[in-house]
Protein backbone atom coordinates (compact mmCIF):
# COMPACT_ATOMS: atom_id res chain seq x y z
CA UNK A 1 0.00 0.00 0.00
CA UNK A 2 1.13 3.52 -0.67
CA UNK A 3 1.29 5.86 2.28
CA UNK A 4 1.89 9.45 3.20
CA UNK A 5 4.84 10.36 5.40
CA UNK A 6 2.59 9.99 8.44
CA UNK A 7 1.54 6.48 7.37
CA UNK A 8 -1.96 7.25 6.11
CA UNK A 9 -3.23 5.25 3.14
CA UNK A 10 -6.11 7.62 2.25
CA UNK A 11 -8.26 10.44 3.58
CA UNK A 12 -11.07 9.40 5.91
CA UNK A 13 -13.45 9.38 2.89
CA UNK A 14 -11.12 7.02 0.98
CA UNK A 15 -9.78 9.60 -1.46
CA UNK A 16 -6.07 10.04 -2.20
CA UNK A 17 -4.02 13.01 -1.19
CA UNK A 18 -2.13 15.62 -3.18
CA UNK A 19 0.55 15.56 -4.23
CA UNK A 20 0.24 11.91 -5.22
CA UNK A 21 3.80 11.59 -6.47
CA UNK A 22 3.50 8.68 -8.88
CA UNK A 23 4.64 8.44 -12.46
CA UNK A 24 6.67 6.38 -14.93
CA UNK A 25 9.86 6.02 -12.84
CA UNK A 26 7.96 4.95 -9.73
CA UNK A 27 5.71 2.53 -11.62
CA UNK A 28 8.64 1.07 -13.53
CA UNK A 29 10.47 0.42 -10.27
CA UNK A 30 7.47 -1.23 -8.63
CA UNK A 31 6.84 -3.41 -11.69
CA UNK A 32 9.79 -5.64 -10.79
CA UNK A 33 8.02 -6.68 -7.57
CA UNK A 34 4.91 -7.60 -9.54
CA UNK A 35 6.96 -9.50 -12.14
CA UNK A 36 8.39 -11.68 -9.35
CA UNK A 37 4.93 -12.77 -8.17
CA UNK A 38 2.42 -15.19 -9.61
CA UNK A 39 -0.48 -14.26 -7.29
CA UNK A 40 -1.83 -10.89 -6.16
CA UNK A 41 -3.94 -10.97 -2.97
CA UNK A 42 -6.13 -7.99 -2.08
CA UNK A 43 -9.40 -6.78 -0.60
CA UNK A 44 -12.60 -6.71 -2.63
CA UNK A 45 -12.60 -2.90 -2.54
CA UNK A 46 -9.08 -2.73 -3.96
CA UNK A 47 -9.86 -5.44 -6.52
CA UNK A 48 -12.94 -3.60 -7.79
CA UNK A 49 -11.11 -0.26 -7.93
CA UNK A 50 -7.90 -1.45 -9.58
CA UNK A 51 -8.22 -4.68 -11.55
CA UNK A 52 -11.00 -3.80 -14.06
CA UNK A 53 -9.19 -0.54 -14.91
CA UNK A 54 -5.83 -2.23 -15.57
CA UNK A 55 -7.45 -5.21 -17.32
CA UNK A 56 -9.06 -2.76 -19.76
CA UNK A 57 -5.69 -1.06 -20.33
CA UNK A 58 -4.01 -4.44 -20.95
CA UNK A 59 -6.71 -5.36 -23.46
CA UNK A 60 -6.16 -2.11 -25.38
CA UNK A 61 -9.40 -0.52 -24.17
CA UNK A 62 -8.27 2.04 -21.57
CA UNK A 63 -11.06 3.79 -19.68
CA UNK A 64 -11.82 7.38 -20.67
CA UNK A 65 -10.29 8.64 -17.42
CA UNK A 66 -7.00 6.77 -17.96
CA UNK A 67 -5.07 9.86 -19.00
CA UNK A 68 -1.59 9.56 -20.48
CA UNK A 69 -0.26 6.01 -20.06
CA UNK A 70 3.46 5.44 -20.47
CA UNK A 71 5.49 2.29 -21.10
CA UNK A 72 5.73 1.42 -17.38
CA UNK A 73 1.94 1.72 -17.01
CA UNK A 74 1.36 -0.54 -20.02
CA UNK A 75 3.90 -3.02 -18.66
CA UNK A 76 2.09 -3.04 -15.30
CA UNK A 77 -1.22 -3.66 -17.06
CA UNK A 78 0.23 -6.71 -18.83
CA UNK A 79 1.92 -8.03 -15.68
CA UNK A 80 -1.19 -7.75 -13.52
CA UNK A 81 -3.35 -9.30 -16.24
CA UNK A 82 -1.23 -12.46 -15.97
CA UNK A 83 -1.35 -12.66 -12.17
CA UNK A 84 -3.83 -14.89 -10.44
CA UNK A 85 -5.91 -12.75 -8.08
CA UNK A 86 -6.95 -13.73 -4.56
CA UNK A 87 -9.73 -11.51 -3.26
CA UNK A 88 -10.77 -11.17 0.39
CA UNK A 89 -14.56 -10.92 0.29
CA UNK A 90 -17.74 -12.30 1.76
CA UNK A 91 -19.93 -10.92 -1.04
CA UNK A 92 -18.04 -11.72 -4.25
CA UNK A 93 -17.77 -14.98 -6.17
CA UNK A 94 -14.59 -16.13 -7.88
CA UNK A 95 -13.77 -16.76 -11.49
CA UNK A 96 -11.06 -18.26 -13.70
CA UNK A 97 -8.47 -15.62 -12.76
CA UNK A 98 -9.63 -14.85 -9.22
CA UNK A 99 -10.09 -16.93 -6.10
CA UNK A 100 -12.30 -15.47 -3.40
CA UNK A 101 -11.49 -16.29 0.21
CA UNK A 102 -12.96 -15.27 3.57
CA UNK A 103 -12.83 -16.47 7.13
CA UNK A 104 -9.35 -17.29 8.40
CA UNK A 105 -7.35 -15.35 5.80
CA UNK A 106 -4.02 -16.05 7.51
CA UNK A 107 -4.51 -19.83 7.38
CA UNK A 108 -5.67 -19.74 3.76
CA UNK A 109 -2.79 -17.50 2.65
CA UNK A 110 -0.30 -19.68 4.54
CA UNK A 111 -1.65 -22.77 2.75
CA UNK A 112 -1.31 -20.97 -0.60
CA UNK A 113 2.17 -19.73 0.25
CA UNK A 114 3.45 -23.22 0.95
CA UNK A 115 1.95 -24.52 -2.30
CA UNK A 116 4.04 -24.99 -5.43
CA UNK A 117 5.25 -21.80 -7.09
CA UNK A 118 3.24 -19.43 -4.94
CA UNK A 119 4.92 -16.05 -4.77
CA UNK A 120 2.15 -13.89 -3.37
CA UNK A 121 2.11 -10.11 -3.50
CA UNK A 122 -0.26 -8.81 -0.83
CA UNK A 123 -1.92 -5.39 -1.11
CA UNK A 124 -3.87 -4.76 2.05
CA UNK A 125 -5.03 -1.98 4.27
CA UNK A 126 -4.89 -1.99 8.07
CA UNK A 127 -8.10 -3.94 8.67
CA UNK A 128 -6.77 -6.90 6.68
CA UNK A 129 -3.09 -6.48 7.40
CA UNK A 130 -3.21 -6.26 11.21
CA UNK A 131 -4.38 -9.85 11.85
CA UNK A 132 -1.87 -11.20 9.32
CA UNK A 133 1.13 -9.76 11.21
CA UNK A 134 0.37 -12.12 14.10
CA UNK A 135 1.10 -15.15 11.90
CA UNK A 136 4.85 -15.71 12.12
CA UNK A 137 6.40 -16.22 8.72
CA UNK A 138 3.33 -15.27 6.70
CA UNK A 139 4.66 -11.88 5.58
CA UNK A 140 8.32 -12.01 4.49
CA UNK A 141 8.87 -8.57 3.01
CA UNK A 142 7.28 -5.16 3.10
CA UNK A 143 7.44 -2.70 0.20
CA UNK A 144 5.99 0.72 1.02
CA UNK A 145 5.95 3.72 -1.31
CA UNK A 146 6.00 6.81 0.94
CA UNK A 147 4.66 10.03 -0.57
CA UNK A 148 5.78 13.56 0.32
CA UNK A 149 2.53 14.48 2.02
CA UNK A 150 1.00 14.52 5.50
CA UNK A 151 -2.78 14.35 5.88
CA UNK A 152 -4.84 15.12 8.93
CA UNK A 153 -7.08 12.07 9.08
CA UNK A 154 -7.71 8.67 7.57
CA UNK A 155 -6.58 5.12 8.18
CA UNK A 156 -2.90 4.40 8.77
CA UNK A 157 -1.20 1.37 7.25
CA UNK A 158 -0.16 -0.01 10.62
CA UNK A 159 -3.33 0.73 12.59
CA UNK A 160 -4.17 -2.14 14.95
CA UNK A 161 -0.87 -4.02 14.52
CA UNK A 162 -1.04 -6.52 17.41
CA UNK A 163 2.69 -6.58 18.22
CA UNK A 164 5.93 -4.78 17.55
CA UNK A 165 7.55 -5.59 14.20
CA UNK A 166 11.30 -5.89 13.69
CA UNK A 167 12.22 -4.73 10.18
CA UNK A 168 15.53 -4.77 8.31
CA UNK A 169 15.94 -2.26 5.50
CA UNK A 170 16.83 -4.11 2.29
CA UNK A 171 16.59 -1.14 -0.07
CA UNK A 172 15.40 2.44 -0.30
CA UNK A 173 14.75 3.97 -3.70
CA UNK A 174 14.20 7.72 -3.97
CA UNK A 175 12.56 9.50 -6.88
CA UNK A 176 12.69 13.10 -8.11
CA UNK A 177 8.96 13.38 -7.33
CA UNK A 178 9.77 13.07 -3.63
CA UNK A 179 8.36 9.56 -3.34
CA UNK A 180 10.55 7.01 -1.57
CA UNK A 181 9.97 3.27 -1.91
CA UNK A 182 11.13 1.40 1.19
CA UNK A 183 11.77 -2.34 1.00
CA UNK A 184 12.03 -4.13 4.34
CA UNK A 185 12.59 -7.73 5.37
CA UNK A 186 10.72 -8.95 8.42
CA UNK A 187 12.48 -10.67 11.26
């Protein structure tokens, strides 16, 4: 999840902040994390907001509000189109490219993770992420784009974390936009 400097993932109403420092260099950098995965796990809200948009871009039918799409955006669209999606939802049904799970998400993700070839990229907000931290070994790495903004209210990425987390910085990538992508290893 992308955050502001104060760890917020959105305004209280769910909207993004300004400046939202994200462009070709940032997307190109993040694409290598998506290329390394075969599964993308996320909430229903994120799935519905992100996947149909990028699927349309990948299929050459970008939505009217897509704006200028560069090579890194088009690459992301293709990468995500090929990823199997796991969606956390109690109201959605699955399909050929998406598996819907609910209930004990940690146990189900752990079972997937130990399966053959499962490199899972998890995009989750605090309500989903907090219970997953308690499962030792479930989350191996943390990649957080931090934007040059501070907002007054809204959910924070690490709200409700049940215990302290020990992180080791593996890499920090800075961009001219002011965005910094932090890559941590857990443990």
